mmCIF file of all heavy atoms, coordinates in Angstrom:
data_MODEL
# 
_entry.id   MODEL 
# 
loop_
_atom_site.group_PDB 
_atom_site.id 
_atom_site.type_symbol 
_atom_site.label_atom_id 
_atom_site.label_alt_id 
_atom_site.label_comp_id 
_atom_site.label_asym_id 
_atom_site.label_entity_id 
_atom_site.label_seq_id 
_atom_site.pdbx_PDB_ins_code 
_atom_site.Cartn_x 
_atom_site.Cartn_y 
_atom_site.Cartn_z 
_atom_site.occupancy 
_atom_site.B_iso_or_equiv 
_atom_site.pdbx_formal_charge 
_atom_site.auth_seq_id 
_atom_site.auth_comp_id 
_atom_site.auth_asym_id 
_atom_site.auth_atom_id 
_atom_site.pdbx_PDB_model_num 
ATOM 1   N N   . SER A 1 1  ? 100.604 92.687  98.252  1.00 0.00 ? 1  SER A N   1 
ATOM 2   C CA  . SER A 1 1  ? 99.711  91.953  99.132  1.00 0.00 ? 1  SER A CA  1 
ATOM 3   C C   . SER A 1 1  ? 99.405  92.786  100.366 1.00 0.00 ? 1  SER A C   1 
ATOM 4   O O   . SER A 1 1  ? 100.073 93.776  100.644 1.00 0.00 ? 1  SER A O   1 
ATOM 5   C CB  . SER A 1 1  ? 100.323 90.606  99.534  1.00 0.00 ? 1  SER A CB  1 
ATOM 6   O OG  . SER A 1 1  ? 101.519 90.790  100.267 1.00 0.00 ? 1  SER A OG  1 
ATOM 7   N N   . SER A 1 2  ? 98.386  92.364  101.110 1.00 0.00 ? 2  SER A N   1 
ATOM 8   C CA  . SER A 1 2  ? 97.974  93.051  102.336 1.00 0.00 ? 2  SER A CA  1 
ATOM 9   C C   . SER A 1 2  ? 97.827  94.549  102.115 1.00 0.00 ? 2  SER A C   1 
ATOM 10  O O   . SER A 1 2  ? 98.326  95.370  102.894 1.00 0.00 ? 2  SER A O   1 
ATOM 11  C CB  . SER A 1 2  ? 98.975  92.769  103.465 1.00 0.00 ? 2  SER A CB  1 
ATOM 12  O OG  . SER A 1 2  ? 99.086  91.383  103.715 1.00 0.00 ? 2  SER A OG  1 
ATOM 13  N N   . LEU A 1 3  ? 97.135  94.906  101.062 1.00 0.00 ? 3  LEU A N   1 
ATOM 14  C CA  . LEU A 1 3  ? 97.024  96.312  100.677 1.00 0.00 ? 3  LEU A CA  1 
ATOM 15  C C   . LEU A 1 3  ? 96.252  97.118  101.715 1.00 0.00 ? 3  LEU A C   1 
ATOM 16  O O   . LEU A 1 3  ? 95.300  96.632  102.328 1.00 0.00 ? 3  LEU A O   1 
ATOM 17  C CB  . LEU A 1 3  ? 96.364  96.431  99.313  1.00 0.00 ? 3  LEU A CB  1 
ATOM 18  C CG  . LEU A 1 3  ? 97.274  96.043  98.149  1.00 0.00 ? 3  LEU A CG  1 
ATOM 19  C CD1 . LEU A 1 3  ? 96.468  95.831  96.876  1.00 0.00 ? 3  LEU A CD1 1 
ATOM 20  C CD2 . LEU A 1 3  ? 98.332  97.124  97.924  1.00 0.00 ? 3  LEU A CD2 1 
ATOM 21  N N   . LYS A 1 4  ? 96.686  98.356  101.895 1.00 0.00 ? 4  LYS A N   1 
ATOM 22  C CA  . LYS A 1 4  ? 96.114  99.278  102.858 1.00 0.00 ? 4  LYS A CA  1 
ATOM 23  C C   . LYS A 1 4  ? 95.588  100.513 102.137 1.00 0.00 ? 4  LYS A C   1 
ATOM 24  O O   . LYS A 1 4  ? 96.040  100.827 101.040 1.00 0.00 ? 4  LYS A O   1 
ATOM 25  C CB  . LYS A 1 4  ? 97.177  99.722  103.870 1.00 0.00 ? 4  LYS A CB  1 
ATOM 26  C CG  . LYS A 1 4  ? 97.960  98.601  104.524 1.00 0.00 ? 4  LYS A CG  1 
ATOM 27  C CD  . LYS A 1 4  ? 99.092  99.176  105.356 1.00 0.00 ? 4  LYS A CD  1 
ATOM 28  C CE  . LYS A 1 4  ? 99.967  98.102  105.935 1.00 0.00 ? 4  LYS A CE  1 
ATOM 29  N NZ  . LYS A 1 4  ? 101.104 98.679  106.702 1.00 0.00 ? 4  LYS A NZ  1 
ATOM 30  N N   . PRO A 1 5  ? 94.648  101.243 102.747 1.00 0.00 ? 5  PRO A N   1 
ATOM 31  C CA  . PRO A 1 5  ? 94.172  102.475 102.116 1.00 0.00 ? 5  PRO A CA  1 
ATOM 32  C C   . PRO A 1 5  ? 95.294  103.452 101.775 1.00 0.00 ? 5  PRO A C   1 
ATOM 33  O O   . PRO A 1 5  ? 95.210  104.148 100.754 1.00 0.00 ? 5  PRO A O   1 
ATOM 34  C CB  . PRO A 1 5  ? 93.224  103.062 103.167 1.00 0.00 ? 5  PRO A CB  1 
ATOM 35  C CG  . PRO A 1 5  ? 92.701  101.871 103.879 1.00 0.00 ? 5  PRO A CG  1 
ATOM 36  C CD  . PRO A 1 5  ? 93.869  100.912 103.951 1.00 0.00 ? 5  PRO A CD  1 
ATOM 37  N N   . GLU A 1 6  ? 96.347  103.506 102.582 1.00 0.00 ? 6  GLU A N   1 
ATOM 38  C CA  . GLU A 1 6  ? 97.451  104.405 102.309 1.00 0.00 ? 6  GLU A CA  1 
ATOM 39  C C   . GLU A 1 6  ? 98.295  103.988 101.112 1.00 0.00 ? 6  GLU A C   1 
ATOM 40  O O   . GLU A 1 6  ? 99.188  104.732 100.696 1.00 0.00 ? 6  GLU A O   1 
ATOM 41  C CB  . GLU A 1 6  ? 98.340  104.580 103.550 1.00 0.00 ? 6  GLU A CB  1 
ATOM 42  C CG  . GLU A 1 6  ? 98.753  103.273 104.188 1.00 0.00 ? 6  GLU A CG  1 
ATOM 43  C CD  . GLU A 1 6  ? 97.875  102.886 105.369 1.00 0.00 ? 6  GLU A CD  1 
ATOM 44  O OE1 . GLU A 1 6  ? 96.635  102.942 105.234 1.00 0.00 ? 6  GLU A OE1 1 
ATOM 45  O OE2 . GLU A 1 6  ? 98.424  102.529 106.430 1.00 0.00 ? 6  GLU A OE2 1 
ATOM 46  N N   . ASP A 1 7  ? 98.038  102.807 100.547 1.00 0.00 ? 7  ASP A N   1 
ATOM 47  C CA  . ASP A 1 7  ? 98.693  102.397 99.314  1.00 0.00 ? 7  ASP A CA  1 
ATOM 48  C C   . ASP A 1 7  ? 98.036  103.007 98.085  1.00 0.00 ? 7  ASP A C   1 
ATOM 49  O O   . ASP A 1 7  ? 98.540  102.842 96.965  1.00 0.00 ? 7  ASP A O   1 
ATOM 50  C CB  . ASP A 1 7  ? 98.691  100.874 99.173  1.00 0.00 ? 7  ASP A CB  1 
ATOM 51  C CG  . ASP A 1 7  ? 99.546  100.181 100.225 1.00 0.00 ? 7  ASP A CG  1 
ATOM 52  O OD1 . ASP A 1 7  ? 100.637 100.689 100.540 1.00 0.00 ? 7  ASP A OD1 1 
ATOM 53  O OD2 . ASP A 1 7  ? 99.115  99.121  100.730 1.00 0.00 ? 7  ASP A OD2 1 
ATOM 54  N N   . THR A 1 8  ? 96.916  103.683 98.259  1.00 0.00 ? 8  THR A N   1 
ATOM 55  C CA  . THR A 1 8  ? 96.211  104.302 97.146  1.00 0.00 ? 8  THR A CA  1 
ATOM 56  C C   . THR A 1 8  ? 97.091  105.350 96.475  1.00 0.00 ? 8  THR A C   1 
ATOM 57  O O   . THR A 1 8  ? 97.562  106.290 97.123  1.00 0.00 ? 8  THR A O   1 
ATOM 58  C CB  . THR A 1 8  ? 94.908  104.940 97.622  1.00 0.00 ? 8  THR A CB  1 
ATOM 59  O OG1 . THR A 1 8  ? 94.033  103.921 98.127  1.00 0.00 ? 8  THR A OG1 1 
ATOM 60  C CG2 . THR A 1 8  ? 94.211  105.669 96.485  1.00 0.00 ? 8  THR A CG2 1 
ATOM 61  N N   . ALA A 1 9  ? 97.326  105.193 95.178  1.00 0.00 ? 9  ALA A N   1 
ATOM 62  C CA  . ALA A 1 9  ? 98.209  106.085 94.436  1.00 0.00 ? 9  ALA A CA  1 
ATOM 63  C C   . ALA A 1 9  ? 98.213  105.664 92.976  1.00 0.00 ? 9  ALA A C   1 
ATOM 64  O O   . ALA A 1 9  ? 97.675  104.616 92.608  1.00 0.00 ? 9  ALA A O   1 
ATOM 65  C CB  . ALA A 1 9  ? 99.634  106.035 94.991  1.00 0.00 ? 9  ALA A CB  1 
ATOM 66  N N   . VAL A 1 10 ? 98.835  106.492 92.148  1.00 0.00 ? 10 VAL A N   1 
ATOM 67  C CA  . VAL A 1 10 ? 99.164  106.089 90.793  1.00 0.00 ? 10 VAL A CA  1 
ATOM 68  C C   . VAL A 1 10 ? 100.535 105.431 90.832  1.00 0.00 ? 10 VAL A C   1 
ATOM 69  O O   . VAL A 1 10 ? 101.485 106.001 91.373  1.00 0.00 ? 10 VAL A O   1 
ATOM 70  C CB  . VAL A 1 10 ? 99.166  107.280 89.818  1.00 0.00 ? 10 VAL A CB  1 
ATOM 71  C CG1 . VAL A 1 10 ? 99.587  106.830 88.423  1.00 0.00 ? 10 VAL A CG1 1 
ATOM 72  C CG2 . VAL A 1 10 ? 97.789  107.925 89.776  1.00 0.00 ? 10 VAL A CG2 1 
ATOM 73  N N   . TYR A 1 11 ? 100.637 104.242 90.269  1.00 0.00 ? 11 TYR A N   1 
ATOM 74  C CA  . TYR A 1 11 ? 101.873 103.485 90.268  1.00 0.00 ? 11 TYR A CA  1 
ATOM 75  C C   . TYR A 1 11 ? 102.520 103.553 88.892  1.00 0.00 ? 11 TYR A C   1 
ATOM 76  O O   . TYR A 1 11 ? 101.866 103.327 87.872  1.00 0.00 ? 11 TYR A O   1 
ATOM 77  C CB  . TYR A 1 11 ? 101.613 102.029 90.658  1.00 0.00 ? 11 TYR A CB  1 
ATOM 78  C CG  . TYR A 1 11 ? 101.357 101.859 92.133  1.00 0.00 ? 11 TYR A CG  1 
ATOM 79  C CD1 . TYR A 1 11 ? 100.189 102.334 92.711  1.00 0.00 ? 11 TYR A CD1 1 
ATOM 80  C CD2 . TYR A 1 11 ? 102.301 101.235 92.956  1.00 0.00 ? 11 TYR A CD2 1 
ATOM 81  C CE1 . TYR A 1 11 ? 99.959  102.200 94.074  1.00 0.00 ? 11 TYR A CE1 1 
ATOM 82  C CE2 . TYR A 1 11 ? 102.077 101.093 94.312  1.00 0.00 ? 11 TYR A CE2 1 
ATOM 83  C CZ  . TYR A 1 11 ? 100.901 101.580 94.868  1.00 0.00 ? 11 TYR A CZ  1 
ATOM 84  O OH  . TYR A 1 11 ? 100.681 101.435 96.216  1.00 0.00 ? 11 TYR A OH  1 
ATOM 85  N N   . TYR A 1 12 ? 103.812 103.867 88.873  1.00 0.00 ? 12 TYR A N   1 
ATOM 86  C CA  . TYR A 1 12 ? 104.567 104.027 87.643  1.00 0.00 ? 12 TYR A CA  1 
ATOM 87  C C   . TYR A 1 12 ? 105.729 103.047 87.589  1.00 0.00 ? 12 TYR A C   1 
ATOM 88  O O   . TYR A 1 12 ? 106.386 102.814 88.601  1.00 0.00 ? 12 TYR A O   1 
ATOM 89  C CB  . TYR A 1 12 ? 105.165 105.434 87.546  1.00 0.00 ? 12 TYR A CB  1 
ATOM 90  C CG  . TYR A 1 12 ? 104.163 106.559 87.530  1.00 0.00 ? 12 TYR A CG  1 
ATOM 91  C CD1 . TYR A 1 12 ? 103.723 107.141 88.711  1.00 0.00 ? 12 TYR A CD1 1 
ATOM 92  C CD2 . TYR A 1 12 ? 103.682 107.063 86.328  1.00 0.00 ? 12 TYR A CD2 1 
ATOM 93  C CE1 . TYR A 1 12 ? 102.819 108.190 88.706  1.00 0.00 ? 12 TYR A CE1 1 
ATOM 94  C CE2 . TYR A 1 12 ? 102.780 108.111 86.314  1.00 0.00 ? 12 TYR A CE2 1 
ATOM 95  C CZ  . TYR A 1 12 ? 102.355 108.674 87.509  1.00 0.00 ? 12 TYR A CZ  1 
ATOM 96  O OH  . TYR A 1 12 ? 101.462 109.718 87.494  1.00 0.00 ? 12 TYR A OH  1 
ATOM 97  N N   . CYS A 1 13 ? 106.002 102.516 86.416  1.00 0.00 ? 13 CYS A N   1 
ATOM 98  C CA  . CYS A 1 13 ? 107.255 101.802 86.216  1.00 0.00 ? 13 CYS A CA  1 
ATOM 99  C C   . CYS A 1 13 ? 108.220 102.710 85.473  1.00 0.00 ? 13 CYS A C   1 
ATOM 100 O O   . CYS A 1 13 ? 107.824 103.623 84.750  1.00 0.00 ? 13 CYS A O   1 
ATOM 101 C CB  . CYS A 1 13 ? 107.061 100.475 85.473  1.00 0.00 ? 13 CYS A CB  1 
ATOM 102 S SG  . CYS A 1 13 ? 106.567 100.607 83.745  1.00 0.00 ? 13 CYS A SG  1 
ATOM 103 N N   . ALA A 1 14 ? 109.502 102.461 85.674  1.00 0.00 ? 14 ALA A N   1 
ATOM 104 C CA  . ALA A 1 14 ? 110.533 103.296 85.081  1.00 0.00 ? 14 ALA A CA  1 
ATOM 105 C C   . ALA A 1 14 ? 111.760 102.462 84.765  1.00 0.00 ? 14 ALA A C   1 
ATOM 106 O O   . ALA A 1 14 ? 112.007 101.433 85.399  1.00 0.00 ? 14 ALA A O   1 
ATOM 107 C CB  . ALA A 1 14 ? 110.910 104.441 86.029  1.00 0.00 ? 14 ALA A CB  1 
ATOM 108 N N   . ALA A 1 15 ? 112.532 102.917 83.793  1.00 0.00 ? 15 ALA A N   1 
ATOM 109 C CA  . ALA A 1 15 ? 113.749 102.234 83.377  1.00 0.00 ? 15 ALA A CA  1 
ATOM 110 C C   . ALA A 1 15 ? 114.913 103.207 83.317  1.00 0.00 ? 15 ALA A C   1 
ATOM 111 O O   . ALA A 1 15 ? 114.769 104.332 82.833  1.00 0.00 ? 15 ALA A O   1 
ATOM 112 C CB  . ALA A 1 15 ? 113.550 101.567 82.020  1.00 0.00 ? 15 ALA A CB  1 
ATOM 113 N N   . ARG A 1 16 ? 116.051 102.767 83.809  1.00 0.00 ? 16 ARG A N   1 
ATOM 114 C CA  . ARG A 1 16 ? 117.294 103.517 83.648  1.00 0.00 ? 16 ARG A CA  1 
ATOM 115 C C   . ARG A 1 16 ? 117.955 103.147 82.339  1.00 0.00 ? 16 ARG A C   1 
ATOM 116 O O   . ARG A 1 16 ? 117.597 102.160 81.692  1.00 0.00 ? 16 ARG A O   1 
ATOM 117 C CB  . ARG A 1 16 ? 118.262 103.224 84.793  1.00 0.00 ? 16 ARG A CB  1 
ATOM 118 C CG  . ARG A 1 16 ? 117.816 103.669 86.153  1.00 0.00 ? 16 ARG A CG  1 
ATOM 119 C CD  . ARG A 1 16 ? 119.015 103.733 87.089  1.00 0.00 ? 16 ARG A CD  1 
ATOM 120 N NE  . ARG A 1 16 ? 119.864 104.874 86.779  1.00 0.00 ? 16 ARG A NE  1 
ATOM 121 C CZ  . ARG A 1 16 ? 121.132 105.002 87.170  1.00 0.00 ? 16 ARG A CZ  1 
ATOM 122 N NH1 . ARG A 1 16 ? 121.711 104.044 87.878  1.00 0.00 ? 16 ARG A NH1 1 
ATOM 123 N NH2 . ARG A 1 16 ? 121.814 106.094 86.860  1.00 0.00 ? 16 ARG A NH2 1 
ATOM 124 N N   . GLN A 1 17 ? 118.948 103.911 81.961  1.00 0.00 ? 17 GLN A N   1 
ATOM 125 C CA  . GLN A 1 17 ? 119.765 103.572 80.810  1.00 0.00 ? 17 GLN A CA  1 
ATOM 126 C C   . GLN A 1 17 ? 120.922 102.666 81.203  1.00 0.00 ? 17 GLN A C   1 
ATOM 127 O O   . GLN A 1 17 ? 121.551 102.059 80.331  1.00 0.00 ? 17 GLN A O   1 
ATOM 128 C CB  . GLN A 1 17 ? 120.273 104.842 80.124  1.00 0.00 ? 17 GLN A CB  1 
ATOM 129 C CG  . GLN A 1 17 ? 119.160 105.656 79.485  1.00 0.00 ? 17 GLN A CG  1 
ATOM 130 C CD  . GLN A 1 17 ? 119.660 106.878 78.760  1.00 0.00 ? 17 GLN A CD  1 
ATOM 131 O OE1 . GLN A 1 17 ? 120.307 107.740 79.354  1.00 0.00 ? 17 GLN A OE1 1 
ATOM 132 N NE2 . GLN A 1 17 ? 119.368 106.949 77.475  1.00 0.00 ? 17 GLN A NE2 1 
ATOM 133 N N   . GLY A 1 18 ? 121.201 102.549 82.487  1.00 0.00 ? 18 GLY A N   1 
ATOM 134 C CA  . GLY A 1 18 ? 122.237 101.663 82.980  1.00 0.00 ? 18 GLY A CA  1 
ATOM 135 C C   . GLY A 1 18 ? 121.660 100.447 83.670  1.00 0.00 ? 18 GLY A C   1 
ATOM 136 O O   . GLY A 1 18 ? 120.458 100.336 83.884  1.00 0.00 ? 18 GLY A O   1 
ATOM 137 N N   . GLY A 1 19 ? 122.529 99.528  84.044  1.00 0.00 ? 19 GLY A N   1 
ATOM 138 C CA  . GLY A 1 19 ? 122.093 98.264  84.608  1.00 0.00 ? 19 GLY A CA  1 
ATOM 139 C C   . GLY A 1 19 ? 121.906 98.247  86.111  1.00 0.00 ? 19 GLY A C   1 
ATOM 140 O O   . GLY A 1 19 ? 121.252 97.340  86.635  1.00 0.00 ? 19 GLY A O   1 
ATOM 141 N N   . GLY A 1 20 ? 122.469 99.220  86.826  1.00 0.00 ? 20 GLY A N   1 
ATOM 142 C CA  . GLY A 1 20 ? 122.324 99.309  88.262  1.00 0.00 ? 20 GLY A CA  1 
ATOM 143 C C   . GLY A 1 20 ? 121.213 100.266 88.653  1.00 0.00 ? 20 GLY A C   1 
ATOM 144 O O   . GLY A 1 20 ? 121.083 101.334 88.065  1.00 0.00 ? 20 GLY A O   1 
ATOM 145 N N   . TYR A 1 21 ? 120.406 99.901  89.661  1.00 0.00 ? 21 TYR A N   1 
ATOM 146 C CA  . TYR A 1 21 ? 119.275 100.750 90.015  1.00 0.00 ? 21 TYR A CA  1 
ATOM 147 C C   . TYR A 1 21 ? 119.709 101.954 90.832  1.00 0.00 ? 21 TYR A C   1 
ATOM 148 O O   . TYR A 1 21 ? 120.779 101.989 91.430  1.00 0.00 ? 21 TYR A O   1 
ATOM 149 C CB  . TYR A 1 21 ? 118.191 99.957  90.760  1.00 0.00 ? 21 TYR A CB  1 
ATOM 150 C CG  . TYR A 1 21 ? 118.619 99.320  92.065  1.00 0.00 ? 21 TYR A CG  1 
ATOM 151 C CD1 . TYR A 1 21 ? 118.800 100.073 93.211  1.00 0.00 ? 21 TYR A CD1 1 
ATOM 152 C CD2 . TYR A 1 21 ? 118.795 97.948  92.146  1.00 0.00 ? 21 TYR A CD2 1 
ATOM 153 C CE1 . TYR A 1 21 ? 119.169 99.481  94.410  1.00 0.00 ? 21 TYR A CE1 1 
ATOM 154 C CE2 . TYR A 1 21 ? 119.157 97.345  93.339  1.00 0.00 ? 21 TYR A CE2 1 
ATOM 155 C CZ  . TYR A 1 21 ? 119.344 98.115  94.468  1.00 0.00 ? 21 TYR A CZ  1 
ATOM 156 O OH  . TYR A 1 21 ? 119.706 97.520  95.657  1.00 0.00 ? 21 TYR A OH  1 
ATOM 157 N N   . SER A 1 22 ? 118.850 102.959 90.835  1.00 0.00 ? 22 SER A N   1 
ATOM 158 C CA  . SER A 1 22 ? 119.053 104.181 91.591  1.00 0.00 ? 22 SER A CA  1 
ATOM 159 C C   . SER A 1 22 ? 117.884 104.389 92.534  1.00 0.00 ? 22 SER A C   1 
ATOM 160 O O   . SER A 1 22 ? 116.778 103.899 92.291  1.00 0.00 ? 22 SER A O   1 
ATOM 161 C CB  . SER A 1 22 ? 119.171 105.383 90.654  1.00 0.00 ? 22 SER A CB  1 
ATOM 162 O OG  . SER A 1 22 ? 119.158 106.598 91.367  1.00 0.00 ? 22 SER A OG  1 
ATOM 163 N N   . TYR A 1 23 ? 118.123 105.134 93.630  1.00 0.00 ? 23 TYR A N   1 
ATOM 164 C CA  . TYR A 1 23 ? 117.062 105.475 94.567  1.00 0.00 ? 23 TYR A CA  1 
ATOM 165 C C   . TYR A 1 23 ? 116.292 106.718 94.150  1.00 0.00 ? 23 TYR A C   1 
ATOM 166 O O   . TYR A 1 23 ? 115.286 107.047 94.781  1.00 0.00 ? 23 TYR A O   1 
ATOM 167 C CB  . TYR A 1 23 ? 117.646 105.716 95.960  1.00 0.00 ? 23 TYR A CB  1 
ATOM 168 C CG  . TYR A 1 23 ? 118.439 104.550 96.507  1.00 0.00 ? 23 TYR A CG  1 
ATOM 169 C CD1 . TYR A 1 23 ? 119.777 104.693 96.817  1.00 0.00 ? 23 TYR A CD1 1 
ATOM 170 C CD2 . TYR A 1 23 ? 117.840 103.312 96.719  1.00 0.00 ? 23 TYR A CD2 1 
ATOM 171 C CE1 . TYR A 1 23 ? 120.510 103.630 97.322  1.00 0.00 ? 23 TYR A CE1 1 
ATOM 172 C CE2 . TYR A 1 23 ? 118.562 102.247 97.218  1.00 0.00 ? 23 TYR A CE2 1 
ATOM 173 C CZ  . TYR A 1 23 ? 119.902 102.414 97.523  1.00 0.00 ? 23 TYR A CZ  1 
ATOM 174 O OH  . TYR A 1 23 ? 120.621 101.357 98.032  1.00 0.00 ? 23 TYR A OH  1 
ATOM 175 N N   . TYR A 1 24 ? 116.717 107.390 93.097  1.00 0.00 ? 24 TYR A N   1 
ATOM 176 C CA  . TYR A 1 24 ? 116.199 108.709 92.756  1.00 0.00 ? 24 TYR A CA  1 
ATOM 177 C C   . TYR A 1 24 ? 115.444 108.697 91.437  1.00 0.00 ? 24 TYR A C   1 
ATOM 178 O O   . TYR A 1 24 ? 115.945 108.211 90.421  1.00 0.00 ? 24 TYR A O   1 
ATOM 179 C CB  . TYR A 1 24 ? 117.337 109.725 92.703  1.00 0.00 ? 24 TYR A CB  1 
ATOM 180 C CG  . TYR A 1 24 ? 118.177 109.703 93.952  1.00 0.00 ? 24 TYR A CG  1 
ATOM 181 C CD1 . TYR A 1 24 ? 119.439 109.130 93.960  1.00 0.00 ? 24 TYR A CD1 1 
ATOM 182 C CD2 . TYR A 1 24 ? 117.684 110.239 95.143  1.00 0.00 ? 24 TYR A CD2 1 
ATOM 183 C CE1 . TYR A 1 24 ? 120.197 109.089 95.120  1.00 0.00 ? 24 TYR A CE1 1 
ATOM 184 C CE2 . TYR A 1 24 ? 118.440 110.199 96.302  1.00 0.00 ? 24 TYR A CE2 1 
ATOM 185 C CZ  . TYR A 1 24 ? 119.694 109.621 96.286  1.00 0.00 ? 24 TYR A CZ  1 
ATOM 186 O OH  . TYR A 1 24 ? 120.438 109.576 97.429  1.00 0.00 ? 24 TYR A OH  1 
# 
């Protein structure tokens, strides 16, 4: 919501093999 011009990008989803998320 409240999208800004600086939000312009290609957005990707990703999945880990484990259940806890990573920052990397």
